[in-house]
C-alpha cells in the first residue's frame, strides 16, 4: 500500500528547519533534527512510502500528512458533502443592459422578471433555507441596477427571514456602476448587499464600455464611486474595480489615477482581468493577449498596483475557493426569462438549461442534468496539487458538460506542493 504526502500539505524549508503544515487540519510539524529532515526529504523525492515503519512516518500518518489515496478520497467525499449545505443563487432580474461592450457574450434581450417569477424565487428561499447553513445571492445581468425594486424585494425577504431562521447570508452584485449612485448603494447595503464588482477599462473605457445611447460612461461611474467612498467607516463594504486588459496594454498611468482616488480607502480593491473570447459578436476584432504573454502582461499590471500602494484583489486561498458556483449541488442561475441554468457564460447551451421557474408550480429542476455539473473525479495528478482542496477537480465543469471534454479532464492549472 502506498502512502503519499497530499497536495494540501505545505512544505517550507528555512535553513536548518523544515515546517510541514496541513491546510486541511491546520496542524503543523517542525523538523529540526538533520537525520529526520533527511528522511523527510527522501519521502518527498520518492513520492511517499510503502509502509509506516519509522517514528517520522508514524508521526506524519497520525497528523494525516501521510495518507493512502483511498484515505484522501474519503476526505474529498466528506468535503463534497459540506458543499450540500450551501445554497448559491445567481439572480438575473433582467437580461437587458444599458451598455454595449464589444467583448460581451450576452445577447441583451429586453426581458425582465415578472412578479410571478419573483414571488416563486422568494417562496423557494423560504421553503428551502432550513436545509442549508449558508445562502449566497449574486446579482447579475444584463445590468441588475435596471431592476432596483426586484433586488430590494427579494433581498428584504431574505433579511426578514434571517430574523426567524438561522443561516449565514452574503450578497454580491456585478454591475457596470452607471446607475449605482450613493442613494441606491445605501439601499442595497441596508438589505445586505455588501460586495460589488464594477468594471473600469482604463483610459479606453468609453470605447470598450459605451452606453447604449453612445454617450460616455466613465465620468459618471467615477463620480458615483467617489461619493460612495465618502461614506463613513461604519459602512463595511467591498468594491472590486475590475480592469479588463488587452494585448499590449502597458499604460499604467490609469492605476496612478485610481490611486489618487481610492488608495487610502481599503474598501476598494483592483482586479486585473484579461479579455477573453466568450462568444461576443465583436470580440474577435479586439487584440486579445495569447499564450505566455497573457500571464506576463497580467503579472506586470499586478506588480505595478502593489508598487503604488493600491489594494490588489487576489483569489482567496480557502476551501472550495477555486470551485465555480455551477459545480455546487445547489448552485443555480435564475434567469429573467424563467429558465434555470448552472452557468452564466453558456447561456444558450442546451446542456446548461436544467430547469425552469413556473408561475404556478414554482422551481422545477431536472436532477440528472443538474448532477452532470457537480460530479468530478480526483485523478492521480490531483493528489499532489496544493490546491486540491480549493478545486476538487470540479473548478469549472463547463469544459466537460458543454464543450464535451473527456471525463478524465483535469483542471488547467496544476500547483505542485513540493520544492
Protein backbone atom coordinates (compact mmCIF):
# COMPACT_ATOMS: atom_id res chain seq x y z
CA UNK A 1 0.00 0.00 0.00
CA UNK A 2 1.37 3.41 -0.98
CA UNK A 3 1.32 6.32 1.46
CA UNK A 4 1.74 9.77 -0.11
CA UNK A 5 2.02 13.35 1.08
CA UNK A 6 -1.25 15.01 -0.03
CA UNK A 7 -1.05 18.20 -2.06
CA UNK A 8 -2.74 20.17 0.71
CA UNK A 9 0.31 19.62 2.92
CA UNK A 10 2.66 22.58 2.53
CA UNK A 11 6.41 22.22 2.96
CA UNK A 12 8.56 25.19 3.91
CA UNK A 13 12.33 24.79 4.19
CA UNK A 14 14.22 27.50 6.04
CA UNK A 15 17.84 26.88 6.89
CA UNK A 16 18.09 24.13 9.47
CA UNK A 17 14.38 23.54 9.88
CA UNK A 18 11.52 22.20 7.80
CA UNK A 19 7.96 23.28 8.57
CA UNK A 20 5.20 20.91 7.44
CA UNK A 21 1.65 22.33 7.50
CA UNK A 22 -1.70 20.71 6.69
CA UNK A 23 -4.15 23.14 5.10
CA UNK A 24 -6.90 20.66 5.97
CA UNK A 25 -6.46 20.30 9.73
CA UNK A 26 -4.34 23.47 10.19
CA UNK A 27 -1.80 21.44 12.17
CA UNK A 28 1.98 21.89 11.88
CA UNK A 29 5.13 19.85 12.45
CA UNK A 30 8.57 21.42 12.77
CA UNK A 31 11.51 19.20 11.86
CA UNK A 32 14.92 20.33 13.14
CA UNK A 33 16.97 17.13 13.51
CA UNK A 34 19.23 16.65 10.48
CA UNK A 35 18.58 12.92 10.07
CA UNK A 36 14.81 13.40 10.41
CA UNK A 37 14.85 16.19 7.82
CA UNK A 38 16.89 13.98 5.51
CA UNK A 39 14.40 11.13 5.92
CA UNK A 40 11.55 13.53 5.18
CA UNK A 41 13.28 14.77 2.02
CA UNK A 42 13.72 11.15 0.92
CA UNK A 43 9.97 10.57 1.38
CA UNK A 44 9.22 13.62 -0.75
CA UNK A 45 11.65 12.59 -3.51
CA UNK A 46 10.30 9.03 -3.58
CA UNK A 47 6.71 10.24 -3.78
CA UNK A 48 5.79 8.61 -0.48
CA UNK A 49 6.39 5.35 1.39
CA UNK A 50 5.13 1.81 1.02
CA UNK A 51 4.72 1.32 4.77
CA UNK A 52 4.52 3.14 8.08
CA UNK A 53 7.61 1.86 9.86
CA UNK A 54 9.57 4.74 11.43
CA UNK A 55 8.91 7.35 14.08
CA UNK A 56 8.65 10.03 11.40
CA UNK A 57 6.24 8.13 9.16
CA UNK A 58 4.09 7.27 12.19
CA UNK A 59 4.01 10.94 13.23
CA UNK A 60 3.12 12.07 9.72
CA UNK A 61 0.41 9.44 9.47
CA UNK A 62 -1.08 10.36 12.86
CA UNK A 63 -1.20 14.01 11.75
CA UNK A 64 -2.82 12.95 8.44
CA UNK A 65 0.14 14.28 6.47
CA UNK A 66 0.98 10.87 5.01
CA UNK A 67 -2.09 9.12 3.62
CA UNK A 68 -3.22 6.49 1.18
CA UNK A 69 -5.13 7.58 -1.91
CA UNK A 70 -8.19 5.83 -0.51
CA UNK A 71 -7.96 7.92 2.66
CA UNK A 72 -7.61 11.12 0.63
CA UNK A 73 -10.62 10.10 -1.47
CA UNK A 74 -12.61 9.65 1.72
CA UNK A 75 -11.66 13.16 2.85
CA UNK A 76 -12.68 14.58 -0.53
CA UNK A 77 -16.06 12.82 -0.32
CA UNK A 78 -16.70 14.27 3.13
CA UNK A 79 -15.80 17.74 1.86
CA UNK A 80 -18.20 17.40 -1.05
CA UNK A 81 -20.93 16.62 1.47
CA UNK A 82 -20.25 20.01 3.04
CA UNK A 83 -20.97 21.64 -0.32
CA UNK A 84 -24.55 20.40 0.05
CA UNK A 85 -25.04 22.86 2.92
CA UNK A 86 -24.68 25.95 0.72
CA UNK A 87 -27.39 27.48 -1.47
CA UNK A 88 -25.77 29.66 -4.13
CA UNK A 89 -28.21 31.66 -6.23
CA UNK A 90 -27.19 33.86 -9.13
CA UNK A 91 -30.21 36.01 -9.94
CA UNK A 92 -30.56 37.85 -13.26
CA UNK A 93 -33.53 40.20 -12.71
CA UNK A 94 -33.15 41.40 -16.30
CA UNK A 95 -31.21 40.34 -19.37
CA UNK A 96 -31.30 43.86 -20.79
CA UNK A 97 -28.30 46.15 -20.43
CA UNK A 98 -27.70 49.86 -20.76
CA UNK A 99 -24.15 49.26 -22.07
CA UNK A 100 -22.91 47.74 -25.33
CA UNK A 101 -19.45 46.35 -24.59
CA UNK A 102 -17.81 44.77 -27.67
CA UNK A 103 -16.38 41.83 -25.73
CA UNK A 104 -19.68 40.91 -24.03
CA UNK A 105 -21.08 37.47 -24.89
CA UNK A 106 -24.66 38.14 -23.76
CA UNK A 107 -27.48 38.80 -26.29
CA UNK A 108 -29.05 41.58 -24.14
CA UNK A 109 -32.65 40.55 -24.71
CA UNK A 110 -35.11 43.05 -23.30
CA UNK A 111 -36.52 40.63 -20.72
CA UNK A 112 -37.28 41.44 -17.09
CA UNK A 113 -38.53 39.12 -14.36
CA UNK A 114 -42.27 39.05 -13.91
CA UNK A 115 -43.81 39.43 -10.47
CA UNK A 116 -44.79 35.73 -10.59
CA UNK A 117 -41.17 34.67 -11.05
CA UNK A 118 -40.04 36.98 -8.24
CA UNK A 119 -42.64 35.51 -5.87
CA UNK A 120 -41.62 31.95 -6.73
CA UNK A 121 -37.96 32.74 -6.01
CA UNK A 122 -38.92 34.16 -2.62
CA UNK A 123 -41.04 31.09 -1.85
CA UNK A 124 -38.20 28.78 -2.86
CA UNK A 125 -35.78 30.50 -0.49
CA UNK A 126 -38.32 30.47 2.34
CA UNK A 127 -39.14 26.78 1.85
CA UNK A 128 -35.57 25.56 1.35
CA UNK A 129 -33.48 27.63 3.75
CA UNK A 130 -33.74 25.19 6.68
CA UNK A 131 -31.69 22.66 4.67
CA UNK A 132 -28.69 24.99 4.41
CA UNK A 133 -26.11 26.66 6.61
CA UNK A 134 -25.20 29.26 4.01
CA UNK A 135 -27.09 31.38 1.49
CA UNK A 136 -25.24 33.44 -1.08
CA UNK A 137 -27.06 35.58 -3.63
CA UNK A 138 -25.12 37.05 -6.55
CA UNK A 139 -26.95 39.72 -8.52
CA UNK A 140 -26.08 39.57 -12.21
CA UNK A 141 -27.49 40.51 -15.57
CA UNK A 142 -27.87 42.09 -18.03
CA UNK A 143 -27.49 45.08 -15.79
CA UNK A 144 -29.09 44.39 -12.39
CA UNK A 145 -29.41 48.03 -11.33
CA UNK A 146 -32.08 48.46 -14.02
CA UNK A 147 -34.29 46.43 -11.64
CA UNK A 148 -33.73 48.12 -8.30
CA UNK A 149 -37.19 47.21 -6.97
CA UNK A 150 -36.80 43.49 -7.71
CA UNK A 151 -33.43 43.43 -5.95
CA UNK A 152 -34.82 45.22 -2.90
CA UNK A 153 -37.91 42.98 -2.82
CA UNK A 154 -36.04 39.67 -2.78
CA UNK A 155 -33.24 40.97 -0.54
CA UNK A 156 -35.72 42.34 2.01
CA UNK A 157 -37.42 38.95 2.07
CA UNK A 158 -34.11 37.30 2.93
CA UNK A 159 -33.31 39.83 5.65
CA UNK A 160 -36.71 39.24 7.24
CA UNK A 161 -36.11 35.50 7.04
CA UNK A 162 -32.87 35.94 8.98
CA UNK A 163 -34.84 37.21 11.98
CA UNK A 164 -36.61 33.85 12.37
CA UNK A 165 -34.18 31.34 10.81
CA UNK A 166 -30.50 30.68 11.46
CA UNK A 167 -28.21 30.82 8.41
CA UNK A 168 -25.21 32.73 7.10
CA UNK A 169 -26.05 35.22 4.36
CA UNK A 170 -23.85 37.06 1.87
CA UNK A 171 -24.89 39.04 -1.19
CA UNK A 172 -22.82 40.41 -4.06
CA UNK A 173 -23.52 42.34 -7.25
CA UNK A 174 -21.82 42.57 -10.62
CA UNK A 175 -22.78 45.94 -12.10
CA UNK A 176 -21.43 48.46 -14.58
CA UNK A 177 -21.93 51.10 -11.87
CA UNK A 178 -23.56 53.67 -14.14
CA UNK A 179 -26.82 53.84 -12.16
CA UNK A 180 -25.26 53.00 -8.80
CA UNK A 181 -25.45 56.41 -7.16
CA UNK A 182 -24.93 56.78 -3.43
CA UNK A 183 -28.67 56.68 -2.68
CA UNK A 184 -29.14 53.37 -4.49
CA UNK A 185 -25.94 52.00 -2.94
CA UNK A 186 -27.18 52.70 0.60
CA UNK A 187 -30.50 50.96 -0.14
CA UNK A 188 -28.65 47.88 -1.37
CA UNK A 189 -26.27 48.00 1.59
CA UNK A 190 -29.13 48.09 4.08
CA UNK A 191 -30.65 44.89 2.64
CA UNK A 192 -27.35 43.03 2.92
CA UNK A 193 -25.54 43.56 -0.39
CA UNK A 194 -22.02 44.38 0.73
CA UNK A 195 -19.76 43.41 -2.18
CA UNK A 196 -19.81 44.96 -5.66
CA UNK A 197 -17.72 44.27 -8.75
CA UNK A 198 -17.57 47.20 -11.17
CA UNK A 199 -15.53 47.24 -14.38
CA UNK A 200 -13.49 50.29 -15.35
CA UNK A 201 -11.46 49.73 -18.51
CA UNK A 202 -8.91 52.46 -18.03
CA UNK A 203 -8.48 55.39 -20.36
CA UNK A 204 -10.20 53.41 -23.14
CA UNK A 205 -13.29 52.79 -21.01
CA UNK A 206 -15.63 54.97 -23.08
CA UNK A 207 -14.71 52.98 -26.20
CA UNK A 208 -14.90 49.48 -24.68
CA UNK A 209 -17.87 50.15 -22.39
CA UNK A 210 -20.15 52.65 -24.17
CA UNK A 211 -23.71 53.44 -23.13
CA UNK A 212 -26.44 52.03 -25.39
CA UNK A 213 -27.11 55.62 -26.49
CA UNK A 214 -23.46 56.14 -27.38
CA UNK A 215 -22.70 58.62 -24.60
CA UNK A 216 -19.63 58.45 -22.35
CA UNK A 217 -19.89 56.40 -19.17
CA UNK A 218 -16.59 56.62 -17.29
CA UNK A 219 -17.03 60.03 -15.69
CA UNK A 220 -20.43 59.20 -14.19
CA UNK A 221 -19.22 55.89 -12.74
CA UNK A 222 -16.16 57.54 -11.21
CA UNK A 223 -18.41 60.21 -9.69
CA UNK A 224 -20.63 57.51 -8.19
CA UNK A 225 -17.64 55.69 -6.69
CA UNK A 226 -16.09 58.86 -5.28
CA UNK A 227 -19.34 59.69 -3.48
CA UNK A 228 -19.69 56.12 -2.16
CA UNK A 229 -16.13 56.38 -0.85
CA UNK A 230 -17.17 59.34 1.32
CA UNK A 231 -19.38 57.04 3.42
CA UNK A 232 -18.04 56.58 6.93
CA UNK A 233 -16.12 53.51 8.06
CA UNK A 234 -19.35 52.20 9.60
CA UNK A 235 -20.24 51.12 6.06
CA UNK A 236 -18.22 47.93 5.76
CA UNK A 237 -18.47 47.17 2.08
CA UNK A 238 -16.12 45.84 -0.58
CA UNK A 239 -15.91 47.33 -4.06
CA UNK A 240 -13.79 45.43 -6.56
CA UNK A 241 -12.78 47.57 -9.52
CA UNK A 242 -12.20 45.17 -12.39
CA UNK A 243 -9.80 46.33 -15.09
CA UNK A 244 -10.03 44.35 -18.35
CA UNK A 245 -6.79 44.48 -20.32
CA UNK A 246 -5.99 43.78 -23.96
CA UNK A 247 -2.76 42.70 -25.62
CA UNK A 248 -0.05 45.35 -25.40
CA UNK A 249 -1.75 47.34 -22.65
CA UNK A 250 1.24 48.81 -20.81
CA UNK A 251 -0.17 52.21 -19.80
CA UNK A 252 -0.06 52.02 -16.02
CA UNK A 253 -0.96 55.69 -15.52
CA UNK A 254 -4.58 54.54 -15.12
CA UNK A 255 -3.61 52.95 -11.81
CA UNK A 256 -1.97 56.19 -10.70
CA UNK A 257 -5.31 57.89 -11.28
CA UNK A 258 -7.20 55.23 -9.29
CA UNK A 259 -4.60 55.51 -6.55
CA UNK A 260 -5.26 59.24 -6.23
CA UNK A 261 -8.94 58.43 -5.68
CA UNK A 262 -9.06 55.22 -3.65
CA UNK A 263 -5.63 54.19 -2.32
CA UNK A 264 -6.50 55.35 1.21
CA UNK A 265 -9.85 53.54 1.20
CA UNK A 266 -9.15 49.85 1.73
CA UNK A 267 -12.77 49.03 0.93
CA UNK A 268 -11.70 49.40 -2.71
CA UNK A 269 -9.50 46.84 -4.46
CA UNK A 270 -8.33 46.30 -8.05
CA UNK A 271 -8.87 43.09 -10.02
CA UNK A 272 -6.81 42.68 -13.20
CA UNK A 273 -8.57 40.53 -15.81
CA UNK A 274 -7.51 39.57 -19.32
CA UNK A 275 -10.16 39.95 -22.00
CA UNK A 276 -11.14 36.52 -23.36
CA UNK A 277 -13.34 35.40 -26.23
CA UNK A 278 -16.52 34.01 -24.67
CA UNK A 279 -18.53 34.43 -27.84
CA UNK A 280 -19.27 38.13 -28.25
CA UNK A 281 -20.03 39.27 -31.80
CA UNK A 282 -17.29 41.93 -31.85
CA UNK A 283 -14.64 40.46 -29.56
CA UNK A 284 -12.89 38.72 -32.47
CA UNK A 285 -11.71 42.09 -33.78
CA UNK A 286 -10.08 43.03 -30.46
CA UNK A 287 -6.37 42.42 -29.66
CA UNK A 288 -6.63 39.60 -27.13
CA UNK A 289 -3.41 38.50 -25.44
CA UNK A 290 -2.46 34.86 -26.07
CA UNK A 291 -0.15 32.22 -24.60
CA UNK A 292 2.66 33.18 -22.24
CA UNK A 293 2.06 36.86 -22.94
CA UNK A 294 -1.22 36.63 -21.01
CA UNK A 295 0.43 35.72 -17.73
CA UNK A 296 3.33 38.13 -18.18
CA UNK A 297 1.01 41.01 -19.01
CA UNK A 298 -1.23 40.31 -16.02
CA UNK A 299 1.72 39.98 -13.63
CA UNK A 300 3.16 43.30 -14.84
CA UNK A 301 -0.11 45.09 -14.07
CA UNK A 302 -0.44 43.41 -10.68
CA UNK A 303 3.14 44.28 -9.73
CA UNK A 304 2.57 47.96 -10.50
CA UNK A 305 -0.65 48.04 -8.48
CA UNK A 306 1.20 46.69 -5.45
CA UNK A 307 4.13 49.04 -6.02
CA UNK A 308 2.00 52.19 -5.77
CA UNK A 309 0.05 51.02 -2.72
CA UNK A 310 -3.32 50.17 -4.22
CA UNK A 311 -5.06 47.12 -2.81
CA UNK A 312 -4.84 44.24 -5.28
CA UNK A 313 -7.75 41.82 -5.25
CA UNK A 314 -6.42 38.28 -5.24
CA UNK A 315 -8.12 34.91 -5.37
CA UNK A 316 -8.83 33.61 -1.83
CA UNK A 317 -6.91 30.53 -0.74
CA UNK A 318 -9.76 28.86 1.12
CA UNK A 319 -11.60 25.57 0.98
CA UNK A 320 -13.64 25.44 -2.27
CA UNK A 321 -12.33 28.87 -3.34
CA UNK A 322 -11.46 27.68 -6.88
CA UNK A 323 -14.81 25.99 -7.42
CA UNK A 324 -17.38 27.71 -9.63
CA UNK A 325 -20.87 28.22 -8.24
CA UNK A 326 -22.13 25.95 -11.05
CA UNK A 327 -20.27 22.99 -9.54
CA UNK A 328 -22.12 23.26 -6.23
CA UNK A 329 -25.10 20.86 -5.99
CA UNK A 330 -27.34 23.79 -5.05
CA UNK A 331 -25.77 26.42 -7.25
CA UNK A 332 -28.39 27.78 -9.67
CA UNK A 333 -28.82 30.70 -12.05
CA UNK A 334 -32.35 32.12 -12.00
CA UNK A 335 -32.78 33.97 -15.27
CA UNK A 336 -35.20 36.78 -16.10
CA UNK A 337 -36.94 34.61 -18.69
CA UNK A 338 -37.73 31.93 -16.09
CA UNK A 339 -35.01 29.50 -17.15
CA UNK A 340 -32.82 27.87 -14.53
CA UNK A 341 -29.19 27.41 -15.62
CA UNK A 342 -25.95 26.36 -13.97
CA UNK A 343 -23.51 28.64 -15.80
CA UNK A 344 -23.72 32.36 -16.63
CA UNK A 345 -21.39 32.03 -19.63
CA UNK A 346 -23.02 29.23 -21.63
CA UNK A 347 -26.41 30.94 -21.68
CA UNK A 348 -27.52 29.39 -24.98
CA UNK A 349 -26.19 25.86 -24.43
CA UNK A 350 -28.97 23.23 -24.05
CA UNK A 351 -26.82 21.37 -21.51
CA UNK A 352 -26.90 24.46 -19.33
CA UNK A 353 -30.70 24.60 -19.05
CA UNK A 354 -31.52 22.40 -16.07
CA UNK A 355 -34.97 23.67 -15.14
CA UNK A 356 -37.49 26.48 -15.13
CA UNK A 357 -39.45 28.75 -12.81
CA UNK A 358 -43.15 28.11 -13.27
CA UNK A 359 -45.65 30.74 -12.16
CA UNK A 360 -47.87 28.06 -10.60
CA UNK A 361 -45.59 25.09 -9.83
CA UNK A 362 -42.55 27.03 -8.65
CA UNK A 363 -38.95 25.87 -9.08
CA UNK A 364 -38.67 22.80 -11.31
CA UNK A 365 -35.18 21.26 -11.70
CA UNK A 366 -34.06 18.22 -13.69
CA UNK A 367 -31.82 16.39 -11.17
CA UNK A 368 -29.99 14.38 -13.84
CA UNK A 369 -29.00 17.45 -15.85
CA UNK A 370 -28.03 19.31 -12.69
CA UNK A 371 -25.87 16.42 -11.42
CA UNK A 372 -23.77 16.46 -14.59
CA UNK A 373 -22.39 19.81 -13.43
CA UNK A 374 -21.38 18.66 -9.95
CA UNK A 375 -19.63 15.31 -10.44
CA UNK A 376 -15.87 15.06 -10.83
CA UNK A 377 -13.05 12.61 -10.26
CA UNK A 378 -9.86 13.22 -8.35
CA UNK A 379 -7.18 11.99 -10.75
CA UNK A 380 -3.66 10.89 -9.89
CA UNK A 381 -2.22 14.28 -10.74
CA UNK A 382 -4.66 15.97 -8.36
CA UNK A 383 -3.29 14.21 -5.28
CA UNK A 384 -0.06 16.20 -5.45
CA UNK A 385 -1.63 19.61 -6.21
CA UNK A 386 -1.55 22.09 -3.34
CA UNK A 387 -4.96 23.46 -4.38
CA UNK A 388 -6.72 20.10 -4.41
CA UNK A 389 -9.00 21.21 -1.53
CA UNK A 390 -9.73 24.50 -3.28
CA UNK A 391 -10.64 22.76 -6.53
CA UNK A 392 -11.60 19.06 -6.05
CA UNK A 393 -11.17 18.92 -9.86
CA UNK A 394 -14.60 20.48 -10.33
CA UNK A 395 -13.40 24.08 -10.51
CA UNK A 396 -15.14 24.57 -13.87
CA UNK A 397 -17.44 21.91 -15.33
CA UNK A 398 -18.25 23.85 -18.49
CA UNK A 399 -15.46 22.01 -20.30
CA UNK A 400 -16.86 18.57 -19.56
CA UNK A 401 -20.58 19.36 -19.81
CA UNK A 402 -20.84 21.92 -22.62
CA UNK A 403 -17.57 21.61 -24.54
CA UNK A 404 -17.58 17.78 -24.50
CA UNK A 405 -14.14 17.40 -22.99
CA UNK A 406 -13.12 13.93 -21.82
CA UNK A 407 -14.31 12.89 -18.36
CA UNK A 408 -10.62 12.41 -17.47
CA UNK A 409 -10.39 16.18 -17.63
CA UNK A 410 -8.01 17.77 -15.13
CA UNK A 411 -8.16 21.50 -14.43
CA UNK A 412 -5.76 23.60 -16.49
CA UNK A 413 -3.58 24.86 -13.66
CA UNK A 414 -1.52 22.42 -11.58
CA UNK A 415 0.31 23.57 -8.46
CA UNK A 416 2.87 21.02 -7.22
CA UNK A 417 3.39 21.25 -3.48
CA UNK A 418 6.98 20.10 -3.40
CA UNK A 419 10.11 22.20 -3.84
